[in-house]
Protein backbone atom coordinates (compact mmCIF):
# COMPACT_ATOMS: atom_id res chain seq x y z
CA MET A 1 -49.50 58.78 12.09
CA PRO A 2 -46.99 55.83 11.72
CA GLU A 3 -48.43 52.39 11.57
CA SER A 4 -47.86 50.16 14.55
CA PHE A 5 -45.82 46.91 14.30
CA GLY A 6 -48.95 44.80 14.84
CA GLU A 7 -50.82 46.48 11.94
CA THR A 8 -47.83 45.97 9.63
CA GLU A 9 -47.67 42.23 10.48
CA THR A 10 -51.41 41.88 9.87
CA ASP A 11 -51.10 43.49 6.43
CA GLU A 12 -48.26 41.08 5.50
CA ARG A 13 -50.37 38.08 6.48
CA LEU A 14 -53.27 39.36 4.38
CA THR A 15 -50.95 39.84 1.41
CA ASP A 16 -49.57 36.27 1.75
CA ARG A 17 -53.06 34.86 1.97
CA GLN A 18 -54.13 36.76 -1.15
CA GLN A 19 -51.10 35.44 -3.04
CA ARG A 20 -51.92 31.88 -2.00
CA ASP A 21 -55.55 32.35 -2.96
CA GLN A 22 -54.46 33.62 -6.36
CA GLY A 23 -52.18 30.61 -6.85
CA SER A 24 -54.64 27.97 -5.73
CA PRO A 25 -56.92 28.22 -8.80
CA SER A 26 -53.92 27.18 -10.94
CA SER A 27 -53.27 24.15 -8.70
CA HIS A 28 -56.92 23.23 -8.74
CA ASN A 29 -56.96 23.49 -12.54
CA ILE A 30 -54.01 21.07 -12.87
CA ALA A 31 -55.61 18.61 -10.49
CA SER A 32 -58.89 18.88 -12.38
CA LEU A 33 -57.16 18.28 -15.70
CA ILE A 34 -55.41 15.18 -14.37
CA SER A 35 -58.61 13.86 -12.88
CA GLN A 36 -60.52 14.58 -16.10
CA PHE A 37 -57.82 12.83 -18.18
CA ALA A 38 -57.98 9.78 -15.91
CA ASP A 39 -61.76 9.68 -16.22
CA ASP A 40 -61.69 10.09 -20.00
CA HIS A 41 -58.95 7.48 -20.47
CA SER A 42 -59.76 5.06 -17.66
CA THR A 43 -59.13 2.02 -19.88
CA LEU A 44 -55.68 3.29 -20.85
CA VAL A 45 -54.81 4.01 -17.23
CA ARG A 46 -55.92 0.54 -16.17
CA ASN A 47 -53.91 -1.06 -18.97
CA ILE A 48 -50.80 0.89 -17.99
CA SER A 49 -51.24 -0.12 -14.35
CA THR A 50 -51.77 -3.76 -15.32
CA GLY A 51 -48.73 -3.68 -17.60
CA LEU A 52 -46.54 -2.28 -14.86
CA ALA A 53 -47.83 -4.88 -12.41
CA VAL A 54 -47.18 -7.73 -14.87
CA ALA A 55 -43.71 -6.39 -15.63
CA GLY A 56 -42.97 -6.29 -11.91
CA VAL A 57 -44.15 -9.87 -11.44
CA ILE A 58 -42.05 -11.00 -14.42
CA VAL A 59 -38.94 -9.36 -12.99
CA ILE A 60 -39.53 -10.93 -9.57
CA ALA A 61 -40.39 -14.36 -11.01
CA ARG A 62 -37.32 -14.32 -13.23
CA SER A 63 -35.04 -13.29 -10.37
CA ILE A 64 -36.21 -16.11 -8.07
CA LYS A 65 -36.71 -18.63 -10.93
CA LEU A 66 -40.32 -19.08 -9.87
CA VAL A 67 -41.53 -20.43 -13.22
CA THR A 68 -38.28 -21.90 -14.55
CA THR A 69 -38.38 -25.50 -15.77
CA PHE A 70 -35.33 -27.38 -14.52
CA GLN A 71 -34.16 -30.19 -16.78
CA ALA A 72 -31.07 -31.23 -14.84
CA ALA A 73 -29.88 -31.16 -11.26
CA SER A 74 -27.12 -28.71 -12.22
CA GLU A 75 -29.71 -26.11 -13.29
CA ILE A 76 -31.20 -25.82 -9.81
CA PRO A 77 -29.76 -22.81 -7.90
CA ALA A 78 -27.59 -23.63 -4.90
CA ARG A 79 -29.83 -21.54 -2.64
CA PHE A 80 -32.74 -23.90 -3.44
CA ILE A 81 -30.70 -26.81 -2.09
CA GLU A 82 -29.50 -24.87 0.96
CA ARG A 83 -33.06 -23.84 1.87
CA ASN A 84 -34.52 -27.31 1.14
CA VAL A 85 -37.05 -25.89 -1.31
CA SER A 86 -39.85 -28.20 -2.48
CA LEU A 87 -40.36 -28.64 -6.23
CA ARG A 88 -43.33 -30.17 -7.99
CA GLY A 89 -42.79 -32.90 -10.55
CA LYS A 90 -44.35 -35.67 -12.62
CA VAL A 91 -43.06 -39.22 -12.42
CA HIS A 92 -41.51 -40.34 -15.69
CA SER A 93 -40.25 -43.81 -14.74
CA ILE A 94 -38.65 -45.91 -11.99
CA THR A 95 -35.27 -47.40 -12.90
CA GLU A 96 -32.40 -49.10 -11.12
CA ARG A 97 -30.68 -45.73 -10.93
CA GLY A 98 -33.64 -44.08 -9.20
CA LEU A 99 -36.75 -42.06 -9.97
CA GLU A 100 -36.90 -40.09 -13.19
CA VAL A 101 -39.03 -37.03 -12.48
CA GLU A 102 -40.02 -34.23 -14.83
CA HIS A 103 -40.05 -30.84 -13.10
CA VAL A 104 -43.37 -28.96 -13.25
CA PRO A 105 -42.91 -25.28 -12.31
CA ILE A 106 -45.55 -23.02 -10.81
CA TYR A 107 -47.87 -21.77 -13.58
CA LEU A 108 -48.87 -18.13 -13.64
CA PRO A 109 -51.47 -17.47 -16.40
CA VAL A 110 -49.95 -14.21 -17.70
CA VAL A 111 -46.31 -14.56 -16.68
CA SER A 112 -45.47 -18.19 -17.52
CA PRO A 113 -45.87 -17.87 -21.34
CA PHE A 114 -43.31 -15.04 -21.36
CA LEU A 115 -40.71 -16.91 -19.31
CA SER A 116 -41.11 -20.47 -20.55
CA LYS A 117 -37.94 -21.68 -22.30
CA TYR A 118 -39.52 -24.89 -23.58
CA LYS A 119 -42.70 -23.81 -25.32
CA GLY A 120 -44.41 -26.83 -26.82
CA GLY A 121 -41.27 -28.94 -26.44
CA CYS A 122 -40.39 -31.99 -24.41
CA THR A 123 -38.50 -31.58 -21.17
CA SER A 124 -35.91 -33.97 -19.81
CA PRO A 125 -36.57 -35.75 -16.50
CA MET A 126 -34.22 -35.35 -13.55
CA LEU A 127 -32.75 -38.30 -11.67
CA VAL A 128 -33.96 -38.43 -8.06
CA HIS A 129 -32.88 -40.66 -5.17
CA LEU A 130 -34.82 -41.16 -1.96
CA ALA A 131 -32.55 -39.41 0.55
CA GLY A 132 -31.25 -41.63 3.36
CA VAL A 133 -32.77 -44.79 1.87
CA GLU A 134 -31.27 -47.95 0.33
CA LEU A 135 -34.01 -49.67 -1.66
CA THR A 136 -34.35 -53.43 -1.94
CA PRO A 137 -35.45 -54.96 -5.28
CA GLU A 138 -38.89 -55.44 -3.71
CA GLY A 139 -38.91 -51.76 -2.79
CA ARG A 140 -38.24 -50.77 -6.39
CA VAL A 141 -41.12 -52.99 -7.55
CA TRP A 142 -43.38 -51.38 -4.95
CA LEU A 143 -42.49 -47.91 -6.24
CA GLN A 144 -43.23 -48.97 -9.82
CA LYS A 145 -46.69 -50.14 -8.73
CA ASN A 146 -47.49 -47.10 -6.61
CA LEU A 147 -45.99 -44.33 -8.75
CA ALA A 148 -47.79 -44.37 -12.06
CA PRO A 149 -46.34 -42.34 -14.95
CA ALA A 150 -47.39 -38.67 -14.93
CA GLN A 151 -48.33 -38.88 -11.25
CA THR A 152 -47.55 -35.69 -9.34
CA VAL A 153 -44.99 -35.79 -6.54
CA TRP A 154 -43.24 -33.18 -4.40
CA LEU A 155 -39.45 -33.15 -4.10
CA LYS A 156 -38.02 -31.62 -0.96
CA LEU A 157 -34.44 -30.89 -1.95
CA ILE A 158 -31.84 -32.25 0.48
CA SER A 159 -28.59 -32.40 -1.51
CA ARG A 160 -27.15 -32.68 -4.98
CA GLU A 161 -24.52 -35.13 -6.19
CA ASP A 162 -23.41 -34.62 -9.79
CA ASP A 163 -26.59 -35.25 -11.81
CA ILE A 164 -28.52 -36.81 -8.92
CA LEU A 165 -30.92 -35.06 -6.56
CA HIS A 166 -31.35 -36.54 -3.08
CA CYS A 167 -34.83 -35.64 -1.90
CA LEU A 168 -37.68 -36.42 0.44
CA VAL A 169 -40.33 -37.48 -2.07
CA SER A 170 -44.00 -37.06 -1.14
CA GLN A 171 -47.23 -37.87 -2.92
CA SER A 172 -50.88 -37.33 -2.15
CA LYS A 173 -53.67 -39.87 -2.14
CA VAL A 174 -57.40 -39.53 -1.71
CA ILE A 175 -58.86 -41.74 0.99
CA SER A 176 -62.55 -42.41 0.36
CA LEU A 177 -64.58 -41.77 3.51
CA SER A 178 -67.94 -42.26 1.85
CA LEU A 179 -69.52 -42.34 -1.59
CA GLN A 180 -69.60 -38.53 -1.72
CA GLN A 181 -66.60 -37.47 0.36
CA GLY A 182 -62.88 -38.12 0.34
CA SER A 183 -59.89 -36.92 2.29
CA MET A 184 -56.51 -35.96 0.80
CA TRP A 185 -53.58 -37.66 2.50
CA SER A 186 -49.93 -36.85 1.84
CA TYR A 187 -47.12 -39.17 2.86
CA CYS A 188 -43.35 -39.38 2.45
CA LEU A 189 -42.16 -42.24 0.24
CA ASN A 190 -38.79 -42.35 2.02
CA GLU A 191 -40.54 -43.22 5.27
CA GLU A 192 -43.14 -45.47 3.64
CA VAL A 193 -40.66 -47.89 2.04
CA LEU A 194 -38.80 -48.11 5.36
CA ARG A 195 -42.05 -48.64 7.27
CA LEU A 196 -42.95 -51.52 4.95
CA GLY A 197 -39.54 -53.13 5.32
CA LEU A 198 -38.72 -52.53 1.64
CA ALA A 199 -35.55 -50.54 2.31
CA ARG A 200 -32.82 -49.84 4.84
CA THR A 201 -31.66 -46.53 6.21
CA ALA A 202 -28.47 -45.22 4.62
CA PRO A 203 -26.17 -42.22 5.17
CA VAL A 204 -27.69 -38.99 3.87
CA VAL A 205 -25.44 -38.09 0.94
CA GLY A 206 -24.26 -34.49 0.68
CA VAL A 207 -25.24 -33.45 4.21
CA LEU A 208 -22.64 -32.90 6.92
CA PRO A 209 -22.95 -35.60 9.63
CA ASP A 210 -22.65 -33.01 12.41
CA SER A 211 -25.43 -30.78 11.02
CA SER A 212 -28.87 -30.51 12.59
CA LEU A 213 -30.49 -31.42 9.24
CA TYR A 214 -28.58 -34.71 9.10
CA TRP A 215 -29.70 -35.80 12.55
CA ARG A 216 -33.31 -34.71 12.00
CA LEU A 217 -33.50 -36.79 8.84
CA LEU A 218 -31.71 -39.76 10.38
CA LYS A 219 -34.03 -39.77 13.40
CA ARG A 220 -37.11 -39.50 11.22
CA LEU A 221 -36.07 -42.32 8.88
CA HIS A 222 -34.76 -44.57 11.66
CA LYS A 223 -38.11 -44.31 13.43
CA ALA A 224 -39.87 -45.66 10.33
CA GLU A 225 -37.35 -48.50 10.01
CA VAL A 226 -37.81 -49.51 13.65
CA LYS A 227 -41.57 -49.87 13.07
CA ALA A 228 -40.95 -52.34 10.25
CA GLU A 229 -38.46 -54.29 12.36
CA ARG A 230 -40.84 -54.53 15.31
CA LYS A 231 -43.69 -55.73 13.13
CA GLY A 232 -41.52 -58.10 11.11
CA ARG A 233 -42.33 -56.56 7.76
CA GLY A 234 -40.47 -57.05 4.51
CA LEU A 235 -36.79 -57.80 4.98
CA TRP A 236 -37.40 -57.96 8.74
CA LYS A 237 -39.93 -60.73 8.40
CA GLN A 238 -39.11 -63.77 10.53
CA ASP A 239 -40.11 -67.34 9.82
CA SER A 240 -42.72 -68.90 12.05
CA LEU A 241 -41.77 -71.61 14.58
CA TRP A 242 -43.06 -74.33 12.22
CA GLU A 243 -41.09 -72.90 9.28
CA ARG A 244 -37.89 -72.69 11.32
CA ALA A 245 -38.34 -76.28 12.61
CA SER A 246 -39.03 -77.58 9.11
CA LYS A 247 -35.92 -75.86 7.81
CA VAL A 248 -33.77 -77.44 10.53
CA VAL A 249 -35.15 -80.90 9.74
CA MET A 250 -34.68 -80.48 5.99
CA ASP A 251 -31.07 -79.40 6.50
CA ASN A 252 -30.31 -82.36 8.78
CA ALA A 253 -27.79 -84.86 7.30
CA LEU A 254 -29.67 -87.91 8.61
CA PHE A 255 -32.94 -86.72 7.11
CA ARG A 256 -31.26 -86.14 3.72
CA LEU A 257 -29.80 -89.70 3.87
CA ILE A 258 -33.23 -91.19 4.61
CA ARG A 259 -34.72 -89.26 1.70
CA ARG A 260 -32.11 -90.58 -0.71
CA ILE A 261 -32.70 -94.20 0.48
CA LEU A 262 -36.46 -93.86 0.12
CA LYS A 263 -36.07 -92.29 -3.30
CA LYS A 264 -33.89 -95.19 -4.53
CA THR A 265 -36.29 -97.73 -3.03
CA PHE A 266 -39.37 -96.38 -4.78
CA ASP A 267 -37.52 -95.73 -8.01
């Protein structure tokens, strides 16, 4: 008697299942071998994984110059300037030209030794100007007193002009709240010298006057300058009423004549 269509389909399914069941031991054996190899050589597998991870970090760090030490303004990528990236640095000295700051890149324990170009050597400081600020001689003296050599500062890149970086320079200080506790306080030196009346606001070099960045910086710096002017600090300091009156008297021609006569008389 011929087999029905349903019985034929059932037999085909059974055959396929048997073939899969016959093939699965082979797959299980391969998986078992791989698992056994990983267990027997766990240290090797971990080392390979670590090596691949380190290699990936090195490639990424090199591509974005994460651990690169910049020794001149020209070495800094243009995209760092455009994005106003902040760099860490150590103060080298304060001169009439500006701040000399040695760049200190981010240190990654495993990666940095492979990518460092200046192993054990001295690095050159970069010349930094306080963006939007015209320092007075008193302001330069104040910076020399408050920025000790090797002190860490942060440079927020604003623009670049030849070998000069125009930045917002910040530093951190610890304010003692008690004998056991202290609070870290960070402030912008550009604003601080203006707030103390030790500088005047100036055009932000290298930034388009119609850009939003220009007006944000100008507003921020002008606000600090207005505080100094209102409080009569630094170059905005006004003589007292007695000092102004004394100056008027001393400059008076009659008073000078009387002084000369008295001087001759007693001489």
